[in-house]
PDB file of N, CA and C in Angstrom:
ATOM      1  N   MET A   1     -19.238 -63.326 -57.875  1.00  0.00           N
ATOM      2  CA  MET A   1     -19.844 -62.023 -58.010  1.00  0.00           C
ATOM      3  C   MET A   1     -21.185 -62.145 -58.703  1.00  0.00           C
ATOM      4  N   GLY A   2     -21.302 -62.890 -59.782  1.00  0.00           N
ATOM      5  CA  GLY A   2     -22.585 -63.076 -60.424  1.00  0.00           C
ATOM      6  C   GLY A   2     -22.916 -62.000 -61.432  1.00  0.00           C
ATOM      7  N   GLN A   3     -23.915 -61.188 -61.100  1.00  0.00           N
ATOM      8  CA  GLN A   3     -24.418 -60.201 -62.047  1.00  0.00           C
ATOM      9  C   GLN A   3     -24.424 -58.799 -61.456  1.00  0.00           C
ATOM     10  N   VAL A   4     -24.267 -57.823 -62.357  1.00  0.00           N
ATOM     11  CA  VAL A   4     -24.467 -56.420 -61.982  1.00  0.00           C
ATOM     12  C   VAL A   4     -25.666 -55.952 -62.788  1.00  0.00           C
ATOM     13  N   ASP A   5     -26.766 -55.747 -62.068  1.00  0.00           N
ATOM     14  CA  ASP A   5     -28.000 -55.305 -62.691  1.00  0.00           C
ATOM     15  C   ASP A   5     -28.746 -54.415 -61.696  1.00  0.00           C
ATOM     16  N   LEU A   6     -29.988 -54.118 -61.976  1.00  0.00           N
ATOM     17  CA  LEU A   6     -30.754 -53.204 -61.132  1.00  0.00           C
ATOM     18  C   LEU A   6     -30.712 -53.598 -59.654  1.00  0.00           C
ATOM     19  N   ALA A   7     -30.752 -54.879 -59.375  1.00  0.00           N
ATOM     20  CA  ALA A   7     -30.771 -55.346 -57.982  1.00  0.00           C
ATOM     21  C   ALA A   7     -29.435 -55.166 -57.264  1.00  0.00           C
ATOM     22  N   THR A   8     -28.341 -55.045 -58.013  1.00  0.00           N
ATOM     23  CA  THR A   8     -27.017 -54.997 -57.382  1.00  0.00           C
ATOM     24  C   THR A   8     -26.242 -53.708 -57.654  1.00  0.00           C
ATOM     25  N   HIS A   9     -26.849 -52.730 -58.311  1.00  0.00           N
ATOM     26  CA  HIS A   9     -26.124 -51.489 -58.617  1.00  0.00           C
ATOM     27  C   HIS A   9     -25.548 -50.817 -57.376  1.00  0.00           C
ATOM     28  N   GLY A  10     -26.317 -50.773 -56.293  1.00  0.00           N
ATOM     29  CA  GLY A  10     -25.841 -50.135 -55.064  1.00  0.00           C
ATOM     30  C   GLY A  10     -24.614 -50.826 -54.488  1.00  0.00           C
ATOM     31  N   SER A  11     -24.629 -52.134 -54.455  1.00  0.00           N
ATOM     32  CA  SER A  11     -23.480 -52.889 -53.949  1.00  0.00           C
ATOM     33  C   SER A  11     -22.263 -52.707 -54.846  1.00  0.00           C
ATOM     34  N   TRP A  12     -22.484 -52.700 -56.151  1.00  0.00           N
ATOM     35  CA  TRP A  12     -21.409 -52.499 -57.130  1.00  0.00           C
ATOM     36  C   TRP A  12     -20.766 -51.138 -56.928  1.00  0.00           C
ATOM     37  N   ARG A  13     -21.607 -50.096 -56.792  1.00  0.00           N
ATOM     38  CA  ARG A  13     -21.099 -48.737 -56.578  1.00  0.00           C
ATOM     39  C   ARG A  13     -20.290 -48.674 -55.282  1.00  0.00           C
ATOM     40  N   SER A  14     -20.791 -49.291 -54.223  1.00  0.00           N
ATOM     41  CA  SER A  14     -20.083 -49.296 -52.931  1.00  0.00           C
ATOM     42  C   SER A  14     -18.743 -50.015 -53.029  1.00  0.00           C
ATOM     43  N   ALA A  15     -18.718 -51.149 -53.714  1.00  0.00           N
ATOM     44  CA  ALA A  15     -17.472 -51.902 -53.863  1.00  0.00           C
ATOM     45  C   ALA A  15     -16.435 -51.088 -54.637  1.00  0.00           C
ATOM     46  N   LEU A  16     -16.860 -50.422 -55.701  1.00  0.00           N
ATOM     47  CA  LEU A  16     -15.922 -49.627 -56.492  1.00  0.00           C
ATOM     48  C   LEU A  16     -15.440 -48.392 -55.734  1.00  0.00           C
ATOM     49  N   ALA A  17     -16.267 -47.867 -54.860  1.00  0.00           N
ATOM     50  CA  ALA A  17     -15.872 -46.702 -54.057  1.00  0.00           C
ATOM     51  C   ALA A  17     -14.770 -47.050 -53.063  1.00  0.00           C
ATOM     52  N   GLU A  18     -14.625 -48.323 -52.735  1.00  0.00           N
ATOM     53  CA  GLU A  18     -13.627 -48.758 -51.768  1.00  0.00           C
ATOM     54  C   GLU A  18     -12.296 -49.162 -52.402  1.00  0.00           C
ATOM     55  N   LEU A  19     -12.148 -48.972 -53.707  1.00  0.00           N
ATOM     56  CA  LEU A  19     -10.889 -49.321 -54.358  1.00  0.00           C
ATOM     57  C   LEU A  19      -9.763 -48.457 -53.803  1.00  0.00           C
ATOM     58  N   PRO A  20      -8.602 -49.037 -53.584  1.00  0.00           N
ATOM     59  CA  PRO A  20      -7.487 -48.265 -53.026  1.00  0.00           C
ATOM     60  C   PRO A  20      -6.960 -47.220 -54.001  1.00  0.00           C
ATOM     61  N   SER A  21      -6.324 -46.204 -53.479  1.00  0.00           N
ATOM     62  CA  SER A  21      -5.727 -45.143 -54.299  1.00  0.00           C
ATOM     63  C   SER A  21      -4.287 -45.512 -54.644  1.00  0.00           C
ATOM     64  N   VAL A  22      -4.150 -46.433 -55.555  1.00  0.00           N
ATOM     65  CA  VAL A  22      -2.834 -46.865 -56.036  1.00  0.00           C
ATOM     66  C   VAL A  22      -2.793 -46.640 -57.547  1.00  0.00           C
ATOM     67  N   PRO A  23      -1.596 -46.574 -58.145  1.00  0.00           N
ATOM     68  CA  PRO A  23      -1.502 -46.276 -59.579  1.00  0.00           C
ATOM     69  C   PRO A  23      -2.236 -47.262 -60.484  1.00  0.00           C
ATOM     70  N   ASP A  24      -2.139 -48.535 -60.200  1.00  0.00           N
ATOM     71  CA  ASP A  24      -2.792 -49.546 -61.032  1.00  0.00           C
ATOM     72  C   ASP A  24      -3.653 -50.454 -60.169  1.00  0.00           C
ATOM     73  N   ILE A  25      -4.891 -50.634 -60.601  1.00  0.00           N
ATOM     74  CA  ILE A  25      -5.813 -51.539 -59.919  1.00  0.00           C
ATOM     75  C   ILE A  25      -6.190 -52.625 -60.918  1.00  0.00           C
ATOM     76  N   HIS A  26      -6.139 -53.863 -60.481  1.00  0.00           N
ATOM     77  CA  HIS A  26      -6.480 -54.999 -61.333  1.00  0.00           C
ATOM     78  C   HIS A  26      -7.733 -55.662 -60.763  1.00  0.00           C
ATOM     79  N   LEU A  27      -8.767 -55.744 -61.595  1.00  0.00           N
ATOM     80  CA  LEU A  27     -10.007 -56.383 -61.182  1.00  0.00           C
ATOM     81  C   LEU A  27     -10.174 -57.688 -61.956  1.00  0.00           C
ATOM     82  N   GLU A  28     -10.251 -58.788 -61.243  1.00  0.00           N
ATOM     83  CA  GLU A  28     -10.491 -60.102 -61.848  1.00  0.00           C
ATOM     84  C   GLU A  28     -12.002 -60.291 -61.940  1.00  0.00           C
ATOM     85  N   LEU A  29     -12.508 -60.366 -63.156  1.00  0.00           N
ATOM     86  CA  LEU A  29     -13.954 -60.404 -63.368  1.00  0.00           C
ATOM     87  C   LEU A  29     -14.438 -61.719 -63.976  1.00  0.00           C
ATOM     88  N   SER A  30     -13.670 -62.778 -63.850  1.00  0.00           N
ATOM     89  CA  SER A  30     -14.052 -64.050 -64.472  1.00  0.00           C
ATOM     90  C   SER A  30     -15.352 -64.625 -63.902  1.00  0.00           C
ATOM     91  N   GLU A  31     -15.714 -64.259 -62.677  1.00  0.00           N
ATOM     92  CA  GLU A  31     -16.956 -64.763 -62.084  1.00  0.00           C
ATOM     93  C   GLU A  31     -18.144 -63.853 -62.346  1.00  0.00           C
ATOM     94  N   LEU A  32     -17.911 -62.739 -63.011  1.00  0.00           N
ATOM     95  CA  LEU A  32     -19.006 -61.839 -63.380  1.00  0.00           C
ATOM     96  C   LEU A  32     -19.654 -62.390 -64.642  1.00  0.00           C
ATOM     97  N   THR A  33     -20.897 -62.813 -64.535  1.00  0.00           N
ATOM     98  CA  THR A  33     -21.565 -63.445 -65.670  1.00  0.00           C
ATOM     99  C   THR A  33     -22.338 -62.457 -66.531  1.00  0.00           C
ATOM    100  N   PHE A  34     -22.732 -61.313 -65.960  1.00  0.00           N
ATOM    101  CA  PHE A  34     -23.511 -60.323 -66.700  1.00  0.00           C
ATOM    102  C   PHE A  34     -23.351 -58.960 -66.044  1.00  0.00           C
ATOM    103  N   ILE A  35     -23.313 -57.919 -66.874  1.00  0.00           N
ATOM    104  CA  ILE A  35     -23.351 -56.544 -66.386  1.00  0.00           C
ATOM    105  C   ILE A  35     -24.167 -55.734 -67.379  1.00  0.00           C
ATOM    106  N   ASP A  36     -25.084 -54.924 -66.865  1.00  0.00           N
ATOM    107  CA  ASP A  36     -25.907 -54.115 -67.760  1.00  0.00           C
ATOM    108  C   ASP A  36     -25.216 -52.782 -68.054  1.00  0.00           C
ATOM    109  N   THR A  37     -25.845 -51.982 -68.897  1.00  0.00           N
ATOM    110  CA  THR A  37     -25.251 -50.705 -69.309  1.00  0.00           C
ATOM    111  C   THR A  37     -25.074 -49.762 -68.126  1.00  0.00           C
ATOM    112  N   HIS A  38     -26.051 -49.720 -67.221  1.00  0.00           N
ATOM    113  CA  HIS A  38     -25.915 -48.827 -66.069  1.00  0.00           C
ATOM    114  C   HIS A  38     -24.797 -49.289 -65.133  1.00  0.00           C
ATOM    115  N   GLY A  39     -24.641 -50.578 -64.978  1.00  0.00           N
ATOM    116  CA  GLY A  39     -23.532 -51.101 -64.178  1.00  0.00           C
ATOM    117  C   GLY A  39     -22.189 -50.728 -64.789  1.00  0.00           C
ATOM    118  N   THR A  40     -22.134 -50.740 -66.117  1.00  0.00           N
ATOM    119  CA  THR A  40     -20.904 -50.329 -66.807  1.00  0.00           C
ATOM    120  C   THR A  40     -20.666 -48.841 -66.612  1.00  0.00           C
ATOM    121  N   LEU A  41     -21.725 -48.042 -66.661  1.00  0.00           N
ATOM    122  CA  LEU A  41     -21.604 -46.608 -66.403  1.00  0.00           C
ATOM    123  C   LEU A  41     -21.050 -46.356 -65.000  1.00  0.00           C
ATOM    124  N   ILE A  42     -21.517 -47.103 -64.027  1.00  0.00           N
ATOM    125  CA  ILE A  42     -21.000 -46.965 -62.655  1.00  0.00           C
ATOM    126  C   ILE A  42     -19.498 -47.244 -62.636  1.00  0.00           C
ATOM    127  N   LEU A  43     -19.059 -48.277 -63.344  1.00  0.00           N
ATOM    128  CA  LEU A  43     -17.637 -48.601 -63.436  1.00  0.00           C
ATOM    129  C   LEU A  43     -16.862 -47.466 -64.100  1.00  0.00           C
ATOM    130  N   VAL A  44     -17.376 -46.958 -65.205  1.00  0.00           N
ATOM    131  CA  VAL A  44     -16.704 -45.866 -65.917  1.00  0.00           C
ATOM    132  C   VAL A  44     -16.601 -44.629 -65.027  1.00  0.00           C
ATOM    133  N   GLU A  45     -17.671 -44.272 -64.349  1.00  0.00           N
ATOM    134  CA  GLU A  45     -17.643 -43.110 -63.450  1.00  0.00           C
ATOM    135  C   GLU A  45     -16.636 -43.315 -62.318  1.00  0.00           C
ATOM    136  N   ALA A  46     -16.576 -44.513 -61.773  1.00  0.00           N
ATOM    137  CA  ALA A  46     -15.634 -44.791 -60.678  1.00  0.00           C
ATOM    138  C   ALA A  46     -14.194 -44.671 -61.156  1.00  0.00           C
ATOM    139  N   THR A  47     -13.909 -45.126 -62.370  1.00  0.00           N
ATOM    140  CA  THR A  47     -12.538 -45.028 -62.875  1.00  0.00           C
ATOM    141  C   THR A  47     -12.196 -43.594 -63.256  1.00  0.00           C
ATOM    142  N   ASN A  48     -13.168 -42.837 -63.737  1.00  0.00           N
ATOM    143  CA  ASN A  48     -12.908 -41.439 -64.095  1.00  0.00           C
ATOM    144  C   ASN A  48     -12.714 -40.557 -62.873  1.00  0.00           C
ATOM    145  N   GLN A  49     -13.267 -40.947 -61.746  1.00  0.00           N
ATOM    146  CA  GLN A  49     -13.110 -40.175 -60.513  1.00  0.00           C
ATOM    147  C   GLN A  49     -11.824 -40.528 -59.784  1.00  0.00           C
ATOM    148  N   SER A  50     -11.098 -41.459 -60.326  1.00  0.00           N
ATOM    149  CA  SER A  50      -9.869 -41.891 -59.670  1.00  0.00           C
ATOM    150  C   SER A  50      -8.781 -40.834 -59.809  1.00  0.00           C
ATOM    151  N   ALA A  51      -7.725 -41.049 -59.089  1.00  0.00           N
ATOM    152  CA  ALA A  51      -6.594 -40.117 -59.095  1.00  0.00           C
ATOM    153  C   ALA A  51      -5.980 -40.017 -60.492  1.00  0.00           C
ATOM    154  N   GLN A  52      -5.421 -38.872 -60.781  1.00  0.00           N
ATOM    155  CA  GLN A  52      -4.759 -38.637 -62.064  1.00  0.00           C
ATOM    156  C   GLN A  52      -3.712 -39.701 -62.333  1.00  0.00           C
ATOM    157  N   GLY A  53      -3.751 -40.290 -63.511  1.00  0.00           N
ATOM    158  CA  GLY A  53      -2.762 -41.285 -63.880  1.00  0.00           C
ATOM    159  C   GLY A  53      -3.069 -42.691 -63.405  1.00  0.00           C
ATOM    160  N   ARG A  54      -4.145 -42.872 -62.659  1.00  0.00           N
ATOM    161  CA  ARG A  54      -4.507 -44.201 -62.177  1.00  0.00           C
ATOM    162  C   ARG A  54      -5.170 -44.986 -63.306  1.00  0.00           C
ATOM    163  N   ARG A  55      -4.885 -46.263 -63.349  1.00  0.00           N
ATOM    164  CA  ARG A  55      -5.409 -47.131 -64.389  1.00  0.00           C
ATOM    165  C   ARG A  55      -6.073 -48.336 -63.734  1.00  0.00           C
ATOM    166  N   VAL A  56      -7.238 -48.693 -64.253  1.00  0.00           N
ATOM    167  CA  VAL A  56      -7.948 -49.877 -63.787  1.00  0.00           C
ATOM    168  C   VAL A  56      -7.919 -50.892 -64.925  1.00  0.00           C
ATOM    169  N   VAL A  57      -7.380 -52.079 -64.623  1.00  0.00           N
ATOM    170  CA  VAL A  57      -7.272 -53.140 -65.618  1.00  0.00           C
ATOM    171  C   VAL A  57      -8.321 -54.204 -65.293  1.00  0.00           C
ATOM    172  N   LEU A  58      -9.155 -54.508 -66.278  1.00  0.00           N
ATOM    173  CA  LEU A  58     -10.201 -55.500 -66.120  1.00  0.00           C
ATOM    174  C   LEU A  58      -9.726 -56.816 -66.725  1.00  0.00           C
ATOM    175  N   HIS A  59      -9.567 -57.833 -65.886  1.00  0.00           N
ATOM    176  CA  HIS A  59      -9.113 -59.136 -66.350  1.00  0.00           C
ATOM    177  C   HIS A  59     -10.311 -60.073 -66.512  1.00  0.00           C
ATOM    178  N   ASN A  60     -10.374 -60.736 -67.655  1.00  0.00           N
ATOM    179  CA  ASN A  60     -11.424 -61.721 -67.951  1.00  0.00           C
ATOM    180  C   ASN A  60     -12.838 -61.181 -67.771  1.00  0.00           C
ATOM    181  N   PRO A  61     -13.126 -60.005 -68.343  1.00  0.00           N
ATOM    182  CA  PRO A  61     -14.481 -59.469 -68.220  1.00  0.00           C
ATOM    183  C   PRO A  61     -15.455 -60.245 -69.100  1.00  0.00           C
ATOM    184  N   PRO A  62     -16.742 -60.228 -68.745  1.00  0.00           N
ATOM    185  CA  PRO A  62     -17.718 -60.904 -69.604  1.00  0.00           C
ATOM    186  C   PRO A  62     -17.844 -60.171 -70.945  1.00  0.00           C
ATOM    187  N   VAL A  63     -18.285 -60.896 -71.945  1.00  0.00           N
ATOM    188  CA  VAL A  63     -18.423 -60.336 -73.289  1.00  0.00           C
ATOM    189  C   VAL A  63     -19.346 -59.123 -73.284  1.00  0.00           C
ATOM    190  N   THR A  64     -20.404 -59.168 -72.471  1.00  0.00           N
ATOM    191  CA  THR A  64     -21.334 -58.029 -72.440  1.00  0.00           C
ATOM    192  C   THR A  64     -20.626 -56.747 -72.014  1.00  0.00           C
ATOM    193  N   LEU A  65     -19.747 -56.828 -71.049  1.00  0.00           N
ATOM    194  CA  LEU A  65     -19.018 -55.645 -70.582  1.00  0.00           C
ATOM    195  C   LEU A  65     -18.119 -55.094 -71.686  1.00  0.00           C
ATOM    196  N   VAL A  66     -17.408 -55.973 -72.350  1.00  0.00           N
ATOM    197  CA  VAL A  66     -16.513 -55.539 -73.429  1.00  0.00           C
ATOM    198  C   VAL A  66     -17.310 -54.878 -74.546  1.00  0.00           C
ATOM    199  N   ARG A  67     -18.448 -55.447 -74.899  1.00  0.00           N
ATOM    200  CA  ARG A  67     -19.285 -54.873 -75.965  1.00  0.00           C
ATOM    201  C   ARG A  67     -19.826 -53.498 -75.584  1.00  0.00           C
ATOM    202  N   ILE A  68     -20.281 -53.358 -74.361  1.00  0.00           N
ATOM    203  CA  ILE A  68     -20.802 -52.069 -73.906  1.00  0.00           C
ATOM    204  C   ILE A  68     -19.698 -51.018 -73.904  1.00  0.00           C
ATOM    205  N   LEU A  69     -18.528 -51.381 -73.415  1.00  0.00           N
ATOM    206  CA  LEU A  69     -17.401 -50.437 -73.415  1.00  0.00           C
ATOM    207  C   LEU A  69     -17.013 -50.044 -74.834  1.00  0.00           C
ATOM    208  N   ASP A  70     -16.925 -51.021 -75.731  1.00  0.00           N
ATOM    209  CA  ASP A  70     -16.569 -50.727 -77.119  1.00  0.00           C
ATOM    210  C   ASP A  70     -17.593 -49.819 -77.790  1.00  0.00           C
ATOM    211  N   LEU A  71     -18.849 -49.999 -77.455  1.00  0.00           N
ATOM    212  CA  LEU A  71     -19.920 -49.230 -78.080  1.00  0.00           C
ATOM    213  C   LEU A  71     -20.017 -47.803 -77.542  1.00  0.00           C
ATOM    214  N   PHE A  72     -20.007 -47.652 -76.229  1.00  0.00           N
ATOM    215  CA  PHE A  72     -20.242 -46.342 -75.618  1.00  0.00           C
ATOM    216  C   PHE A  72     -18.979 -45.603 -75.171  1.00  0.00           C
ATOM    217  N   TRP A  73     -17.944 -46.332 -74.805  1.00  0.00           N
ATOM    218  CA  TRP A  73     -16.707 -45.726 -74.317  1.00  0.00           C
ATOM    219  C   TRP A  73     -15.514 -46.418 -74.974  1.00  0.00           C
ATOM    220  N   PRO A  74     -15.297 -46.203 -76.269  1.00  0.00           N
ATOM    221  CA  PRO A  74     -14.257 -46.961 -76.980  1.00  0.00           C
ATOM    222  C   PRO A  74     -12.828 -46.642 -76.561  1.00  0.00           C
ATOM    223  N   SER A  75     -12.590 -45.486 -75.979  1.00  0.00           N
ATOM    224  CA  SER A  75     -11.214 -45.179 -75.573  1.00  0.00           C
ATOM    225  C   SER A  75     -11.226 -44.403 -74.268  1.00  0.00           C
ATOM    226  N   LEU A  76     -10.978 -45.111 -73.198  1.00  0.00           N
ATOM    227  CA  LEU A  76     -10.892 -44.504 -71.875  1.00  0.00           C
ATOM    228  C   LEU A  76      -9.462 -44.648 -71.373  1.00  0.00           C
ATOM    229  N   PRO A  77      -8.784 -43.549 -71.099  1.00  0.00           N
ATOM    230  CA  PRO A  77      -7.395 -43.659 -70.640  1.00  0.00           C
ATOM    231  C   PRO A  77      -7.253 -44.294 -69.255  1.00  0.00           C
ATOM    232  N   THR A  78      -8.332 -44.299 -68.482  1.00  0.00           N
ATOM    233  CA  THR A  78      -8.265 -44.834 -67.124  1.00  0.00           C
ATOM    234  C   THR A  78      -8.680 -46.300 -67.033  1.00  0.00           C
ATOM    235  N   LEU A  79      -9.147 -46.858 -68.139  1.00  0.00           N
ATOM    236  CA  LEU A  79      -9.691 -48.210 -68.107  1.00  0.00           C
ATOM    237  C   LEU A  79      -9.072 -49.046 -69.222  1.00  0.00           C
ATOM    238  N   GLU A  80      -8.574 -50.211 -68.846  1.00  0.00           N
ATOM    239  CA  GLU A  80      -7.951 -51.122 -69.817  1.00  0.00           C
ATOM    240  C   GLU A  80      -8.566 -52.506 -69.670  1.00  0.00           C
ATOM    241  N   VAL A  81      -8.865 -53.126 -70.806  1.00  0.00           N
ATOM    242  CA  VAL A  81      -9.442 -54.472 -70.791  1.00  0.00           C
ATOM    243  C   VAL A  81      -8.362 -55.461 -71.197  1.00  0.00           C
ATOM    244  N   ASP A  82      -8.105 -56.433 -70.343  1.00  0.00           N
ATOM    245  CA  ASP A  82      -7.164 -57.521 -70.645  1.00  0.00           C
ATOM    246  C   ASP A  82      -7.993 -58.658 -71.239  1.00  0.00           C
ATOM    247  N   ARG A  83      -7.897 -58.801 -72.552  1.00  0.00           N
ATOM    248  CA  ARG A  83      -8.734 -59.775 -73.249  1.00  0.00           C
ATOM    249  C   ARG A  83      -8.030 -61.108 -73.441  1.00  0.00           C
ATOM    250  N   ALA A  84      -7.042 -61.375 -72.640  1.00  0.00           N
ATOM    251  CA  ALA A  84      -6.278 -62.637 -72.770  1.00  0.00           C
ATOM    252  C   ALA A  84      -7.108 -63.841 -72.416  1.00  0.00           C
TER     253      ALA A  84
END
């Protein structure tokens, strides 16, 4: 996947729009090396627009993503970070 930045925001938004409507979605992000604040906002908006009770679990997210989430969105019921 590489990076989510100004050059890839459109692709990121499109990919998140195609997530299935299931109760739990697991995203493996170990190959994501960087994500900017706007890319994180796109992720947050996509998870908030999901069906009631749906949860998105982020596995192995980059440190930048975790820091941005902790700073701007410290408690989102629709988004869970697996920091294992």
